[in-house]
Amino acid sequence: MSETVPVTGSGTEVRSGGCLCGKVRFTVTGPVDDPHICACKDCSTRSGAPFQWWVGFPMSGLEWTGAEPTWFDTHPGKTARGFCPDCGTHIAARDYGDSTIIGILAPALDHHDTDPALVPTNLNRLPEAAPWLAQVD
């Protein structure tokens, strides 16, 4: 795999990713939207970590190239979270009624550690963060 984000002939960024075991794979085509860290209770409880790193992409640019994740309604009728049914890797989130954006967990992307477009621009839900995290104004 290359260490850079592939670009199509039209100049559109294409990123790929998937789960630990490789069963769930995807590509996302299009611009990055709102890379952020979320410290809400749901993200921390579900992940077992104090926060999660989310990145939005156009839903129209999402293609499941392996198995589609299993979806769990975190907030029934409002938000569903996708994960691999085999290895448990958290992959994505989608809001019912919004067919324009898919939230992808940045670490599920193949080159999350070398892609400057994925650097978080804000920290959401800070009041819900673990009390031992540094509270930045």
C-alpha atoms as a PDB file:
ATOM      1  CA  MET A   1       0.000   0.000   0.000  1.00  0.00           C
ATOM      2  CA  SER A   2       1.171   3.509  -0.704  1.00  0.00           C
ATOM      3  CA  GLU A   3       1.798   5.967   2.103  1.00  0.00           C
ATOM      4  CA  THR A   4      -0.218   8.724   0.417  1.00  0.00           C
ATOM      5  CA  VAL A   5      -3.873   9.177  -0.377  1.00  0.00           C
ATOM      6  CA  PRO A   6      -4.612   8.043  -3.950  1.00  0.00           C
ATOM      7  CA  VAL A   7      -6.117  10.687  -6.210  1.00  0.00           C
ATOM      8  CA  THR A   8      -8.251   9.863  -9.237  1.00  0.00           C
ATOM      9  CA  GLY A   9      -7.783  11.510 -12.619  1.00  0.00           C
ATOM     10  CA  SER A  10     -10.433  14.043 -11.633  1.00  0.00           C
ATOM     11  CA  GLY A  11      -8.412  15.103  -8.572  1.00  0.00           C
ATOM     12  CA  THR A  12     -10.810  13.437  -6.128  1.00  0.00           C
ATOM     13  CA  GLU A  13      -9.283  11.852  -3.033  1.00  0.00           C
ATOM     14  CA  VAL A  14      -9.944   8.144  -2.525  1.00  0.00           C
ATOM     15  CA  ARG A  15      -9.226   6.485   0.811  1.00  0.00           C
ATOM     16  CA  SER A  16      -9.570   2.854   1.822  1.00  0.00           C
ATOM     17  CA  GLY A  17      -9.893   1.127   5.134  1.00  0.00           C
ATOM     18  CA  GLY A  18     -11.333  -1.752   7.051  1.00  0.00           C
ATOM     19  CA  CYS A  19     -11.335  -3.824  10.187  1.00  0.00           C
ATOM     20  CA  LEU A  20      -8.560  -5.756  11.935  1.00  0.00           C
ATOM     21  CA  CYS A  21      -9.440  -9.116  10.390  1.00  0.00           C
ATOM     22  CA  GLY A  22     -10.044  -7.714   6.890  1.00  0.00           C
ATOM     23  CA  LYS A  23     -13.624  -8.952   6.518  1.00  0.00           C
ATOM     24  CA  VAL A  24     -15.122  -5.433   6.404  1.00  0.00           C
ATOM     25  CA  ARG A  25     -13.421  -3.247   3.774  1.00  0.00           C
ATOM     26  CA  PHE A  26     -14.472   0.045   2.205  1.00  0.00           C
ATOM     27  CA  THR A  27     -13.412   3.002   0.120  1.00  0.00           C
ATOM     28  CA  VAL A  28     -14.512   6.592   0.586  1.00  0.00           C
ATOM     29  CA  THR A  29     -14.232   9.094  -2.219  1.00  0.00           C
ATOM     30  CA  GLY A  30     -14.529  12.798  -1.656  1.00  0.00           C
ATOM     31  CA  PRO A  31     -13.511  15.537   0.724  1.00  0.00           C
ATOM     32  CA  VAL A  32     -12.921  15.063   4.442  1.00  0.00           C
ATOM     33  CA  ASP A  33     -15.639  16.640   6.607  1.00  0.00           C
ATOM     34  CA  ASP A  34     -15.230  17.658  10.268  1.00  0.00           C
ATOM     35  CA  PRO A  35     -12.347  15.520  11.554  1.00  0.00           C
ATOM     36  CA  HIS A  36     -12.851  15.587  15.318  1.00  0.00           C
ATOM     37  CA  ILE A  37     -12.409  13.807  18.612  1.00  0.00           C
ATOM     38  CA  CYS A  38     -15.592  12.877  20.490  1.00  0.00           C
ATOM     39  CA  ALA A  39     -15.503  12.318  24.236  1.00  0.00           C
ATOM     40  CA  CYS A  40     -19.210  11.565  24.729  1.00  0.00           C
ATOM     41  CA  LYS A  41     -20.321   8.771  27.028  1.00  0.00           C
ATOM     42  CA  ASP A  42     -21.519   6.609  24.111  1.00  0.00           C
ATOM     43  CA  CYS A  43     -18.219   6.818  22.203  1.00  0.00           C
ATOM     44  CA  SER A  44     -16.143   6.085  25.293  1.00  0.00           C
ATOM     45  CA  THR A  45     -18.338   3.240  26.575  1.00  0.00           C
ATOM     46  CA  ARG A  46     -18.653   1.565  23.185  1.00  0.00           C
ATOM     47  CA  SER A  47     -14.957   1.825  22.372  1.00  0.00           C
ATOM     48  CA  GLY A  48     -13.503   1.204  25.812  1.00  0.00           C
ATOM     49  CA  ALA A  49     -11.422   4.367  25.354  1.00  0.00           C
ATOM     50  CA  PRO A  50     -11.825   7.921  26.666  1.00  0.00           C
ATOM     51  CA  PHE A  51     -12.657   9.263  23.196  1.00  0.00           C
ATOM     52  CA  GLN A  52     -12.928   8.385  19.503  1.00  0.00           C
ATOM     53  CA  TRP A  53     -11.535  10.070  16.371  1.00  0.00           C
ATOM     54  CA  TRP A  54     -14.224  10.617  13.739  1.00  0.00           C
ATOM     55  CA  VAL A  55     -14.063  11.853  10.143  1.00  0.00           C
ATOM     56  CA  GLY A  56     -17.028  12.535   7.872  1.00  0.00           C
ATOM     57  CA  PHE A  57     -17.206  11.682   4.185  1.00  0.00           C
ATOM     58  CA  PRO A  58     -19.930  12.013   1.550  1.00  0.00           C
ATOM     59  CA  MET A  59     -22.252   9.004   1.842  1.00  0.00           C
ATOM     60  CA  SER A  60     -22.389   8.927  -1.964  1.00  0.00           C
ATOM     61  CA  GLY A  61     -18.631   8.241  -1.986  1.00  0.00           C
ATOM     62  CA  LEU A  62     -18.815   5.198   0.308  1.00  0.00           C
ATOM     63  CA  GLU A  63     -18.433   1.739  -1.197  1.00  0.00           C
ATOM     64  CA  TRP A  64     -18.241  -1.448   0.844  1.00  0.00           C
ATOM     65  CA  THR A  65     -15.574  -3.514  -0.942  1.00  0.00           C
ATOM     66  CA  GLY A  66     -15.707  -6.376   1.577  1.00  0.00           C
ATOM     67  CA  ALA A  67     -18.536  -7.363   3.872  1.00  0.00           C
ATOM     68  CA  GLU A  68     -20.739  -4.539   5.155  1.00  0.00           C
ATOM     69  CA  PRO A  69     -20.485  -3.995   8.906  1.00  0.00           C
ATOM     70  CA  THR A  70     -23.141  -5.094  11.348  1.00  0.00           C
ATOM     71  CA  TRP A  71     -25.157  -2.080  12.501  1.00  0.00           C
ATOM     72  CA  PHE A  72     -26.209  -1.368  16.084  1.00  0.00           C
ATOM     73  CA  ASP A  73     -28.730   1.348  16.918  1.00  0.00           C
ATOM     74  CA  THR A  74     -26.887   3.352  19.559  1.00  0.00           C
ATOM     75  CA  HIS A  75     -29.850   5.710  19.637  1.00  0.00           C
ATOM     76  CA  PRO A  76     -32.817   3.789  18.119  1.00  0.00           C
ATOM     77  CA  GLY A  77     -34.261   5.659  15.178  1.00  0.00           C
ATOM     78  CA  LYS A  78     -31.500   8.277  15.335  1.00  0.00           C
ATOM     79  CA  THR A  79     -27.958   6.837  15.045  1.00  0.00           C
ATOM     80  CA  ALA A  80     -26.497   3.459  14.103  1.00  0.00           C
ATOM     81  CA  ARG A  81     -22.891   2.337  14.580  1.00  0.00           C
ATOM     82  CA  GLY A  82     -21.193  -0.158  12.275  1.00  0.00           C
ATOM     83  CA  PHE A  83     -18.695  -2.768  13.421  1.00  0.00           C
ATOM     84  CA  CYS A  84     -17.150  -5.996  12.178  1.00  0.00           C
ATOM     85  CA  PRO A  85     -19.163  -8.965  13.467  1.00  0.00           C
ATOM     86  CA  ASP A  86     -16.006 -11.127  13.523  1.00  0.00           C
ATOM     87  CA  CYS A  87     -13.237  -9.019  15.104  1.00  0.00           C
ATOM     88  CA  GLY A  88     -15.377  -6.277  16.661  1.00  0.00           C
ATOM     89  CA  THR A  89     -13.565  -3.335  15.049  1.00  0.00           C
ATOM     90  CA  HIS A  90     -15.668  -0.152  15.144  1.00  0.00           C
ATOM     91  CA  ILE A  91     -15.873   1.294  11.638  1.00  0.00           C
ATOM     92  CA  ALA A  92     -18.624   3.854  11.064  1.00  0.00           C
ATOM     93  CA  ALA A  93     -21.716   5.738  12.197  1.00  0.00           C
ATOM     94  CA  ARG A  94     -24.738   6.948  10.280  1.00  0.00           C
ATOM     95  CA  ASP A  95     -27.635   9.140  11.287  1.00  0.00           C
ATOM     96  CA  TYR A  96     -31.096   8.149  10.151  1.00  0.00           C
ATOM     97  CA  GLY A  97     -32.616  10.837   7.962  1.00  0.00           C
ATOM     98  CA  ASP A  98     -29.203  12.098   6.800  1.00  0.00           C
ATOM     99  CA  SER A  99     -28.129  10.336   3.641  1.00  0.00           C
ATOM    100  CA  THR A 100     -25.385  12.870   2.882  1.00  0.00           C
ATOM    101  CA  ILE A 101     -22.620  12.055   5.413  1.00  0.00           C
ATOM    102  CA  ILE A 102     -21.101   8.853   6.820  1.00  0.00           C
ATOM    103  CA  GLY A 103     -18.923   9.069   9.918  1.00  0.00           C
ATOM    104  CA  ILE A 104     -15.825   6.877   9.710  1.00  0.00           C
ATOM    105  CA  LEU A 105     -13.554   6.178  12.645  1.00  0.00           C
ATOM    106  CA  ALA A 106     -10.216   7.541  11.457  1.00  0.00           C
ATOM    107  CA  PRO A 107      -8.160   4.557  12.727  1.00  0.00           C
ATOM    108  CA  ALA A 108     -10.204   2.315  10.394  1.00  0.00           C
ATOM    109  CA  LEU A 109      -8.620   4.148   7.447  1.00  0.00           C
ATOM    110  CA  ASP A 110      -5.484   2.530   6.054  1.00  0.00           C
ATOM    111  CA  HIS A 111      -3.292   5.647   6.277  1.00  0.00           C
ATOM    112  CA  HIS A 112      -4.857   7.544   9.167  1.00  0.00           C
ATOM    113  CA  ASP A 113      -1.427   8.140  10.682  1.00  0.00           C
ATOM    114  CA  THR A 114       0.059   9.832   7.582  1.00  0.00           C
ATOM    115  CA  ASP A 115      -2.930  11.709   6.127  1.00  0.00           C
ATOM    116  CA  PRO A 116      -2.812  15.396   7.155  1.00  0.00           C
ATOM    117  CA  ALA A 117      -6.451  15.950   6.122  1.00  0.00           C
ATOM    118  CA  LEU A 118      -7.563  13.719   9.019  1.00  0.00           C
ATOM    119  CA  VAL A 119      -5.987  15.774  11.807  1.00  0.00           C
ATOM    120  CA  PRO A 120      -8.798  16.587  14.274  1.00  0.00           C
ATOM    121  CA  THR A 121      -9.944  20.197  14.275  1.00  0.00           C
ATOM    122  CA  ASN A 122     -11.991  20.087  17.482  1.00  0.00           C
ATOM    123  CA  LEU A 123     -12.880  18.096  20.586  1.00  0.00           C
ATOM    124  CA  ASN A 124     -16.616  17.455  20.917  1.00  0.00           C
ATOM    125  CA  ARG A 125     -18.582  16.806  24.108  1.00  0.00           C
ATOM    126  CA  LEU A 126     -15.725  17.829  26.394  1.00  0.00           C
ATOM    127  CA  PRO A 127     -17.971  18.113  29.493  1.00  0.00           C
ATOM    128  CA  GLU A 128     -18.647  14.352  29.182  1.00  0.00           C
ATOM    129  CA  ALA A 129     -14.941  13.461  28.948  1.00  0.00           C
ATOM    130  CA  ALA A 130     -13.201  11.383  31.584  1.00  0.00           C
ATOM    131  CA  PRO A 131     -12.403  13.793  34.438  1.00  0.00           C
ATOM    132  CA  TRP A 132      -8.697  12.954  34.329  1.00  0.00           C
ATOM    133  CA  LEU A 133      -8.326  14.206  30.731  1.00  0.00           C
ATOM    134  CA  ALA A 134      -6.827  17.651  30.449  1.00  0.00           C
ATOM    135  CA  GLN A 135      -9.629  20.188  30.112  1.00  0.00           C
ATOM    136  CA  VAL A 136      -8.601  22.713  27.436  1.00  0.00           C
ATOM    137  CA  ASP A 137     -10.510  25.960  26.961  1.00  0.00           C
END
